[in-house]
Amino acid sequence: MKTNESVENEGLLVRRIKNGTVIDHIDGGEALNVVKILGITGATQEALSIATNVPSRNMERKDIVKLTNRELSKEEVNRIALISPHATINIIRNFKVWEKKGVEIPTLIEGIVRCPNPGCISNTNEPITSKFEVTSKGLHCKYCDWVITKDLTSHII
């Protein structure tokens, strides 16, 4: 019979993936937001594994998302960086980590975030994309000067 301690030391019982992406070190409780901003629904083709509130040596708790047969674009990685700046992206090919990189929050974000100001020119029919500067106070709209300071997930396009 296994004790609780021996079960905890066995690690996660989530199946390895042959090809795809593992998003690790997601801030605890943010995995479902990551899935949402990647546009993954029950109707999409990739198999998905999610682990939430997993103990971590480097973080109090973390989430993990595994996607089969899908590698993320730079724009998708930038979206993840906005809600989980400590996340790491692991590209898996033939069951091995092919590439591992951390996310980086860009200094200028274009076309990823929607301005919450209904009067902003980026929310009209003008042929422009939203532009935000990343500052210590939050995301600063380059068109109307609004600053988004929290709940970024609801503004990510």
N, C-alpha and C. Protein backbone atom coordinates (compact mmCIF):
# COMPACT_ATOMS: atom_id res chain seq x y z
N MET A 1 0.83 -1.18 0.00
CA MET A 1 0.00 0.00 0.00
C MET A 1 0.88 1.24 0.00
N LYS A 2 0.53 2.21 -0.85
CA LYS A 2 1.31 3.43 -0.98
C LYS A 2 0.84 4.45 0.04
N THR A 3 1.80 5.17 0.61
CA THR A 3 1.45 6.26 1.51
C THR A 3 1.20 7.52 0.69
N ASN A 4 0.59 8.50 1.31
CA ASN A 4 0.37 9.77 0.62
C ASN A 4 1.67 10.37 0.13
N GLU A 5 2.73 10.25 0.94
CA GLU A 5 4.02 10.82 0.56
C GLU A 5 4.58 10.14 -0.68
N SER A 6 4.48 8.80 -0.78
CA SER A 6 5.01 8.12 -1.95
C SER A 6 4.21 8.44 -3.20
N VAL A 7 2.91 8.63 -3.06
CA VAL A 7 2.07 9.01 -4.21
C VAL A 7 2.46 10.41 -4.70
N GLU A 8 2.69 11.34 -3.77
CA GLU A 8 3.07 12.69 -4.15
C GLU A 8 4.41 12.73 -4.87
N ASN A 9 5.31 11.84 -4.55
CA ASN A 9 6.63 11.84 -5.16
C ASN A 9 6.67 11.16 -6.52
N GLU A 10 5.58 10.53 -6.94
CA GLU A 10 5.57 9.87 -8.24
C GLU A 10 5.44 10.84 -9.39
N GLY A 11 4.98 12.06 -9.17
CA GLY A 11 4.83 13.03 -10.24
C GLY A 11 3.47 12.94 -10.89
N LEU A 12 3.33 13.70 -11.95
CA LEU A 12 2.06 13.75 -12.66
C LEU A 12 1.83 12.50 -13.49
N LEU A 13 0.60 12.09 -13.56
CA LEU A 13 0.24 10.93 -14.37
C LEU A 13 -0.48 11.39 -15.63
N VAL A 14 0.14 12.32 -16.34
CA VAL A 14 -0.40 12.83 -17.59
C VAL A 14 0.45 12.26 -18.71
N ARG A 15 -0.20 11.71 -19.68
CA ARG A 15 0.48 11.03 -20.78
C ARG A 15 1.38 11.98 -21.56
N ARG A 16 2.54 11.47 -21.96
CA ARG A 16 3.44 12.24 -22.82
C ARG A 16 2.78 12.43 -24.18
N ILE A 17 3.18 13.50 -24.87
CA ILE A 17 2.66 13.70 -26.22
C ILE A 17 3.77 13.48 -27.23
N LYS A 18 3.39 12.97 -28.41
CA LYS A 18 4.38 12.70 -29.45
C LYS A 18 4.82 14.00 -30.12
N ASN A 19 3.86 14.81 -30.53
CA ASN A 19 4.14 16.08 -31.19
C ASN A 19 3.17 17.13 -30.67
N GLY A 20 3.67 18.35 -30.47
CA GLY A 20 2.79 19.41 -30.01
C GLY A 20 3.51 20.40 -29.13
N THR A 21 2.76 20.98 -28.21
CA THR A 21 3.30 22.03 -27.34
C THR A 21 2.87 21.77 -25.90
N VAL A 22 3.81 21.95 -24.98
CA VAL A 22 3.50 21.93 -23.56
C VAL A 22 3.77 23.34 -23.04
N ILE A 23 2.75 23.93 -22.47
CA ILE A 23 2.88 25.26 -21.86
C ILE A 23 2.97 25.02 -20.36
N ASP A 24 4.14 25.26 -19.80
CA ASP A 24 4.41 24.96 -18.40
C ASP A 24 4.60 26.27 -17.64
N HIS A 25 4.58 26.18 -16.33
CA HIS A 25 4.79 27.33 -15.43
C HIS A 25 3.76 28.44 -15.66
N ILE A 26 2.56 28.05 -16.04
CA ILE A 26 1.47 29.01 -16.14
C ILE A 26 1.10 29.39 -14.70
N ASP A 27 0.86 30.66 -14.45
CA ASP A 27 0.45 31.08 -13.11
C ASP A 27 -0.76 30.26 -12.66
N GLY A 28 -0.73 29.80 -11.41
CA GLY A 28 -1.79 28.96 -10.88
C GLY A 28 -3.18 29.54 -11.11
N GLY A 29 -4.06 28.74 -11.64
CA GLY A 29 -5.43 29.16 -11.90
C GLY A 29 -5.66 29.82 -13.24
N GLU A 30 -4.64 29.94 -14.07
CA GLU A 30 -4.77 30.65 -15.36
C GLU A 30 -4.87 29.72 -16.57
N ALA A 31 -4.80 28.40 -16.38
CA ALA A 31 -4.80 27.48 -17.53
C ALA A 31 -6.04 27.62 -18.40
N LEU A 32 -7.19 27.76 -17.79
CA LEU A 32 -8.41 27.89 -18.59
C LEU A 32 -8.43 29.20 -19.37
N ASN A 33 -7.84 30.24 -18.83
CA ASN A 33 -7.71 31.49 -19.58
C ASN A 33 -6.76 31.34 -20.76
N VAL A 34 -5.68 30.56 -20.57
CA VAL A 34 -4.75 30.29 -21.67
C VAL A 34 -5.48 29.55 -22.79
N VAL A 35 -6.25 28.54 -22.43
CA VAL A 35 -7.02 27.78 -23.42
C VAL A 35 -7.99 28.70 -24.15
N LYS A 36 -8.62 29.59 -23.41
CA LYS A 36 -9.59 30.51 -24.00
C LYS A 36 -8.93 31.45 -25.01
N ILE A 37 -7.82 32.06 -24.63
CA ILE A 37 -7.20 33.02 -25.54
C ILE A 37 -6.54 32.35 -26.74
N LEU A 38 -6.28 31.05 -26.66
CA LEU A 38 -5.77 30.31 -27.81
C LEU A 38 -6.90 29.87 -28.74
N GLY A 39 -8.14 30.12 -28.33
CA GLY A 39 -9.28 29.77 -29.18
C GLY A 39 -9.59 28.30 -29.23
N ILE A 40 -9.17 27.57 -28.20
CA ILE A 40 -9.41 26.14 -28.17
C ILE A 40 -10.79 25.88 -27.59
N THR A 41 -11.59 25.15 -28.34
CA THR A 41 -12.94 24.79 -27.91
C THR A 41 -13.10 23.29 -28.10
N GLY A 42 -14.21 22.78 -27.71
CA GLY A 42 -14.49 21.36 -27.94
C GLY A 42 -14.58 21.01 -29.41
N ALA A 43 -14.74 22.01 -30.27
CA ALA A 43 -14.86 21.77 -31.70
C ALA A 43 -13.52 21.77 -32.42
N THR A 44 -12.44 22.16 -31.74
CA THR A 44 -11.13 22.17 -32.39
C THR A 44 -10.54 20.77 -32.38
N GLN A 45 -9.52 20.55 -33.20
CA GLN A 45 -9.01 19.20 -33.44
C GLN A 45 -7.95 18.69 -32.46
N GLU A 46 -7.23 19.59 -31.79
CA GLU A 46 -6.14 19.14 -30.94
C GLU A 46 -6.65 18.47 -29.67
N ALA A 47 -5.91 17.42 -29.24
CA ALA A 47 -6.19 16.83 -27.94
C ALA A 47 -5.57 17.76 -26.90
N LEU A 48 -6.22 17.88 -25.77
CA LEU A 48 -5.84 18.85 -24.77
C LEU A 48 -5.77 18.20 -23.40
N SER A 49 -4.69 18.47 -22.66
CA SER A 49 -4.57 18.05 -21.27
C SER A 49 -4.31 19.30 -20.43
N ILE A 50 -4.99 19.40 -19.31
CA ILE A 50 -4.83 20.56 -18.43
C ILE A 50 -4.59 20.06 -17.02
N ALA A 51 -3.56 20.58 -16.38
CA ALA A 51 -3.31 20.32 -14.97
C ALA A 51 -3.33 21.67 -14.27
N THR A 52 -4.12 21.79 -13.22
CA THR A 52 -4.22 23.07 -12.51
C THR A 52 -3.76 22.93 -11.07
N ASN A 53 -3.21 24.02 -10.57
CA ASN A 53 -2.77 24.13 -9.17
C ASN A 53 -1.83 23.00 -8.75
N VAL A 54 -0.86 22.74 -9.62
CA VAL A 54 0.14 21.70 -9.39
C VAL A 54 1.26 22.29 -8.52
N PRO A 55 1.72 21.56 -7.50
CA PRO A 55 2.84 22.08 -6.72
C PRO A 55 4.08 22.27 -7.60
N SER A 56 4.87 23.29 -7.29
CA SER A 56 6.04 23.60 -8.09
C SER A 56 7.18 24.02 -7.17
N ARG A 57 8.39 23.69 -7.57
CA ARG A 57 9.55 24.12 -6.79
C ARG A 57 9.79 25.62 -6.92
N ASN A 58 9.53 26.18 -8.11
CA ASN A 58 9.82 27.59 -8.37
C ASN A 58 8.65 28.52 -8.08
N MET A 59 7.45 27.97 -8.08
CA MET A 59 6.25 28.78 -7.88
C MET A 59 5.45 28.11 -6.76
N GLU A 60 4.57 28.87 -6.13
CA GLU A 60 3.72 28.26 -5.11
C GLU A 60 2.86 27.16 -5.74
N ARG A 61 2.24 27.51 -6.86
CA ARG A 61 1.46 26.55 -7.63
C ARG A 61 1.49 26.97 -9.08
N LYS A 62 1.31 26.01 -9.97
CA LYS A 62 1.36 26.31 -11.40
C LYS A 62 0.32 25.47 -12.13
N ASP A 63 0.06 25.88 -13.37
CA ASP A 63 -0.80 25.12 -14.26
C ASP A 63 0.03 24.67 -15.45
N ILE A 64 -0.45 23.63 -16.13
CA ILE A 64 0.22 23.09 -17.31
C ILE A 64 -0.85 22.80 -18.35
N VAL A 65 -0.56 23.15 -19.61
CA VAL A 65 -1.46 22.83 -20.73
C VAL A 65 -0.64 22.09 -21.77
N LYS A 66 -1.18 20.94 -22.23
CA LYS A 66 -0.54 20.17 -23.30
C LYS A 66 -1.47 20.13 -24.50
N LEU A 67 -0.92 20.47 -25.66
CA LEU A 67 -1.67 20.46 -26.92
C LEU A 67 -1.00 19.50 -27.89
N THR A 68 -1.73 18.55 -28.42
CA THR A 68 -1.14 17.64 -29.39
C THR A 68 -1.22 18.22 -30.79
N ASN A 69 -0.20 17.95 -31.56
CA ASN A 69 -0.14 18.29 -32.99
C ASN A 69 -0.38 19.78 -33.27
N ARG A 70 0.10 20.62 -32.39
CA ARG A 70 -0.02 22.07 -32.61
C ARG A 70 1.16 22.79 -31.99
N GLU A 71 1.80 23.64 -32.79
CA GLU A 71 2.85 24.52 -32.30
C GLU A 71 2.32 25.94 -32.35
N LEU A 72 2.62 26.72 -31.34
CA LEU A 72 2.04 28.06 -31.20
C LEU A 72 2.77 29.08 -32.06
N SER A 73 2.02 30.05 -32.56
CA SER A 73 2.60 31.17 -33.29
C SER A 73 3.18 32.17 -32.31
N LYS A 74 3.98 33.09 -32.80
CA LYS A 74 4.56 34.15 -31.96
C LYS A 74 3.44 34.98 -31.33
N GLU A 75 2.39 35.27 -32.09
CA GLU A 75 1.26 36.05 -31.57
C GLU A 75 0.58 35.31 -30.41
N GLU A 76 0.43 34.01 -30.53
CA GLU A 76 -0.20 33.22 -29.46
C GLU A 76 0.68 33.22 -28.21
N VAL A 77 1.98 33.12 -28.40
CA VAL A 77 2.92 33.16 -27.27
C VAL A 77 2.84 34.53 -26.59
N ASN A 78 2.72 35.60 -27.37
CA ASN A 78 2.60 36.95 -26.80
C ASN A 78 1.32 37.09 -25.98
N ARG A 79 0.24 36.46 -26.42
CA ARG A 79 -1.01 36.50 -25.65
C ARG A 79 -0.83 35.81 -24.31
N ILE A 80 -0.15 34.67 -24.31
CA ILE A 80 0.10 33.93 -23.07
C ILE A 80 0.95 34.78 -22.12
N ALA A 81 1.95 35.46 -22.67
CA ALA A 81 2.84 36.29 -21.84
C ALA A 81 2.08 37.37 -21.09
N LEU A 82 1.00 37.87 -21.69
CA LEU A 82 0.23 38.93 -21.04
C LEU A 82 -0.45 38.46 -19.76
N ILE A 83 -0.88 37.20 -19.71
CA ILE A 83 -1.58 36.73 -18.51
C ILE A 83 -0.73 35.82 -17.64
N SER A 84 0.40 35.35 -18.18
CA SER A 84 1.28 34.49 -17.38
C SER A 84 2.73 34.71 -17.81
N PRO A 85 3.37 35.77 -17.30
CA PRO A 85 4.71 36.13 -17.77
C PRO A 85 5.83 35.17 -17.39
N HIS A 86 5.55 34.15 -16.58
CA HIS A 86 6.57 33.17 -16.19
C HIS A 86 6.44 31.86 -16.96
N ALA A 87 5.49 31.80 -17.87
CA ALA A 87 5.23 30.55 -18.60
C ALA A 87 6.42 30.16 -19.47
N THR A 88 6.56 28.87 -19.69
CA THR A 88 7.56 28.36 -20.63
C THR A 88 6.84 27.56 -21.70
N ILE A 89 7.37 27.65 -22.91
CA ILE A 89 6.80 26.96 -24.06
C ILE A 89 7.77 25.85 -24.46
N ASN A 90 7.28 24.62 -24.47
CA ASN A 90 8.09 23.47 -24.86
C ASN A 90 7.51 22.87 -26.13
N ILE A 91 8.29 22.90 -27.21
CA ILE A 91 7.87 22.28 -28.47
C ILE A 91 8.32 20.82 -28.42
N ILE A 92 7.36 19.92 -28.61
CA ILE A 92 7.64 18.49 -28.53
C ILE A 92 7.58 17.90 -29.94
N ARG A 93 8.62 17.15 -30.30
CA ARG A 93 8.65 16.44 -31.57
C ARG A 93 9.18 15.03 -31.31
N ASN A 94 8.41 14.05 -31.74
CA ASN A 94 8.75 12.64 -31.55
C ASN A 94 9.06 12.33 -30.08
N PHE A 95 8.20 12.79 -29.18
CA PHE A 95 8.25 12.57 -27.73
C PHE A 95 9.41 13.28 -27.03
N LYS A 96 10.18 14.11 -27.73
CA LYS A 96 11.31 14.79 -27.11
C LYS A 96 11.11 16.31 -27.15
N VAL A 97 11.67 17.00 -26.15
CA VAL A 97 11.62 18.45 -26.15
C VAL A 97 12.57 18.95 -27.24
N TRP A 98 12.00 19.52 -28.28
CA TRP A 98 12.75 20.02 -29.42
C TRP A 98 13.27 21.43 -29.15
N GLU A 99 12.43 22.21 -28.50
CA GLU A 99 12.79 23.60 -28.18
C GLU A 99 12.07 24.00 -26.89
N LYS A 100 12.76 24.75 -26.04
CA LYS A 100 12.17 25.23 -24.80
C LYS A 100 12.52 26.71 -24.68
N LYS A 101 11.49 27.53 -24.45
CA LYS A 101 11.74 28.97 -24.32
C LYS A 101 10.74 29.59 -23.37
N GLY A 102 11.17 30.64 -22.74
CA GLY A 102 10.27 31.41 -21.90
C GLY A 102 9.51 32.40 -22.75
N VAL A 103 8.42 32.91 -22.21
CA VAL A 103 7.67 33.94 -22.93
C VAL A 103 8.26 35.30 -22.58
N GLU A 104 8.10 36.24 -23.47
CA GLU A 104 8.57 37.60 -23.24
C GLU A 104 7.43 38.56 -23.54
N ILE A 105 7.20 39.47 -22.64
CA ILE A 105 6.17 40.47 -22.88
C ILE A 105 6.77 41.53 -23.80
N PRO A 106 6.17 41.71 -24.98
CA PRO A 106 6.71 42.72 -25.90
C PRO A 106 6.46 44.13 -25.36
N THR A 107 7.23 45.10 -25.83
CA THR A 107 7.04 46.48 -25.39
C THR A 107 5.86 47.14 -26.10
N LEU A 108 5.53 46.67 -27.31
CA LEU A 108 4.39 47.17 -28.07
C LEU A 108 3.54 45.98 -28.50
N ILE A 109 2.25 46.06 -28.24
CA ILE A 109 1.32 44.99 -28.58
C ILE A 109 0.36 45.51 -29.63
N GLU A 110 0.32 44.85 -30.79
CA GLU A 110 -0.55 45.29 -31.87
C GLU A 110 -1.55 44.20 -32.22
N GLY A 111 -2.84 44.57 -32.25
CA GLY A 111 -3.87 43.67 -32.73
C GLY A 111 -4.22 42.51 -31.82
N ILE A 112 -3.70 42.48 -30.61
CA ILE A 112 -3.95 41.36 -29.70
C ILE A 112 -4.97 41.74 -28.63
N VAL A 113 -4.95 43.00 -28.21
CA VAL A 113 -5.81 43.46 -27.13
C VAL A 113 -6.80 44.50 -27.68
N ARG A 114 -8.04 44.40 -27.22
CA ARG A 114 -9.09 45.35 -27.61
C ARG A 114 -9.18 46.45 -26.55
N CYS A 115 -9.21 47.69 -26.98
CA CYS A 115 -9.31 48.81 -26.05
C CYS A 115 -10.71 48.82 -25.42
N PRO A 116 -10.79 48.97 -24.10
CA PRO A 116 -12.10 48.99 -23.44
C PRO A 116 -12.85 50.31 -23.62
N ASN A 117 -12.20 51.33 -24.15
CA ASN A 117 -12.83 52.63 -24.36
C ASN A 117 -13.70 52.56 -25.61
N PRO A 118 -15.04 52.62 -25.47
CA PRO A 118 -15.91 52.52 -26.65
C PRO A 118 -15.69 53.67 -27.64
N GLY A 119 -15.15 54.80 -27.18
CA GLY A 119 -14.90 55.93 -28.06
C GLY A 119 -13.55 55.90 -28.75
N CYS A 120 -12.73 54.89 -28.47
CA CYS A 120 -11.40 54.79 -29.09
C CYS A 120 -11.55 54.52 -30.58
N ILE A 121 -10.69 55.15 -31.36
CA ILE A 121 -10.74 54.98 -32.82
C ILE A 121 -10.50 53.53 -33.24
N SER A 122 -9.81 52.76 -32.38
CA SER A 122 -9.55 51.35 -32.72
C SER A 122 -10.82 50.51 -32.62
N ASN A 123 -11.89 51.05 -32.04
CA ASN A 123 -13.17 50.33 -31.92
C ASN A 123 -14.19 50.80 -32.96
N THR A 124 -13.73 51.50 -33.97
CA THR A 124 -14.63 51.97 -35.03
C THR A 124 -14.36 51.15 -36.29
N ASN A 125 -14.96 51.55 -37.37
CA ASN A 125 -14.77 50.84 -38.64
C ASN A 125 -13.53 51.31 -39.39
N GLU A 126 -12.70 52.10 -38.75
CA GLU A 126 -11.46 52.56 -39.38
C GLU A 126 -10.52 51.37 -39.60
N PRO A 127 -9.77 51.36 -40.69
CA PRO A 127 -8.87 50.23 -40.98
C PRO A 127 -7.56 50.30 -40.19
N ILE A 128 -7.65 50.24 -38.86
CA ILE A 128 -6.46 50.26 -38.01
C ILE A 128 -6.56 49.12 -37.00
N THR A 129 -5.42 48.73 -36.47
CA THR A 129 -5.39 47.72 -35.42
C THR A 129 -5.06 48.40 -34.10
N SER A 130 -5.48 47.77 -33.02
CA SER A 130 -5.19 48.34 -31.71
C SER A 130 -3.68 48.30 -31.45
N LYS A 131 -3.21 49.28 -30.71
CA LYS A 131 -1.78 49.36 -30.34
C LYS A 131 -1.69 49.75 -28.88
N PHE A 132 -0.97 48.96 -28.12
CA PHE A 132 -0.76 49.23 -26.70
C PHE A 132 0.71 49.18 -26.37
N GLU A 133 1.13 50.14 -25.56
CA GLU A 133 2.48 50.15 -25.02
C GLU A 133 2.42 49.49 -23.65
N VAL A 134 3.36 48.59 -23.38
CA VAL A 134 3.41 47.92 -22.08
C VAL A 134 4.20 48.82 -21.13
N THR A 135 3.55 49.23 -20.04
CA THR A 135 4.20 50.08 -19.05
C THR A 135 4.12 49.42 -17.68
N SER A 136 4.77 50.00 -16.70
CA SER A 136 4.72 49.44 -15.35
C SER A 136 3.32 49.56 -14.75
N LYS A 137 2.49 50.47 -15.26
CA LYS A 137 1.13 50.66 -14.76
C LYS A 137 0.12 49.76 -15.46
N GLY A 138 0.47 49.21 -16.60
CA GLY A 138 -0.45 48.37 -17.37
C GLY A 138 -0.26 48.57 -18.85
N LEU A 139 -1.31 48.32 -19.63
CA LEU A 139 -1.26 48.50 -21.07
C LEU A 139 -1.85 49.86 -21.43
N HIS A 140 -1.07 50.68 -22.10
CA HIS A 140 -1.44 52.05 -22.45
C HIS A 140 -1.83 52.11 -23.92
N CYS A 141 -3.09 52.46 -24.22
CA CYS A 141 -3.58 52.56 -25.59
C CYS A 141 -2.87 53.73 -26.28
N LYS A 142 -2.29 53.48 -27.44
CA LYS A 142 -1.57 54.52 -28.18
C LYS A 142 -2.52 55.51 -28.85
N TYR A 143 -3.81 55.18 -28.96
CA TYR A 143 -4.76 56.07 -29.62
C TYR A 143 -5.52 56.97 -28.65
N CYS A 144 -5.97 56.44 -27.53
CA CYS A 144 -6.85 57.23 -26.65
C CYS A 144 -6.31 57.42 -25.24
N ASP A 145 -5.15 56.85 -24.94
CA ASP A 145 -4.49 57.00 -23.64
C ASP A 145 -5.12 56.23 -22.48
N TRP A 146 -6.10 55.37 -22.74
CA TRP A 146 -6.63 54.54 -21.67
C TRP A 146 -5.55 53.54 -21.23
N VAL A 147 -5.61 53.15 -19.96
CA VAL A 147 -4.67 52.16 -19.42
C VAL A 147 -5.48 50.99 -18.86
N ILE A 148 -5.14 49.79 -19.31
CA ILE A 148 -5.75 48.58 -18.77
C ILE A 148 -4.83 48.08 -17.67
N THR A 149 -5.35 48.00 -16.44
CA THR A 149 -4.49 47.62 -15.32
C THR A 149 -4.76 46.23 -14.78
N LYS A 150 -5.93 45.67 -15.06
CA LYS A 150 -6.23 44.32 -14.58
C LYS A 150 -7.23 43.66 -15.51
N ASP A 151 -7.45 42.39 -15.29
CA ASP A 151 -8.37 41.60 -16.08
C ASP A 151 -8.06 41.69 -17.57
N LEU A 152 -6.80 41.44 -17.93
CA LEU A 152 -6.40 41.50 -19.33
C LEU A 152 -7.12 40.46 -20.18
N THR A 153 -7.44 39.32 -19.58
CA THR A 153 -8.03 38.23 -20.35
C THR A 153 -9.29 38.65 -21.08
N SER A 154 -10.12 39.47 -20.46
CA SER A 154 -11.37 39.86 -21.10
C SER A 154 -11.14 40.82 -22.28
N HIS A 155 -9.95 41.39 -22.42
CA HIS A 155 -9.67 42.33 -23.51
C HIS A 155 -8.84 41.71 -24.63
N ILE A 156 -8.34 40.49 -24.43
CA ILE A 156 -7.51 39.86 -25.46
C ILE A 156 -8.42 39.38 -26.59
N ILE A 157 -8.04 39.73 -27.79
CA ILE A 157 -8.84 39.41 -28.97
C ILE A 157 -8.61 37.96 -29.36
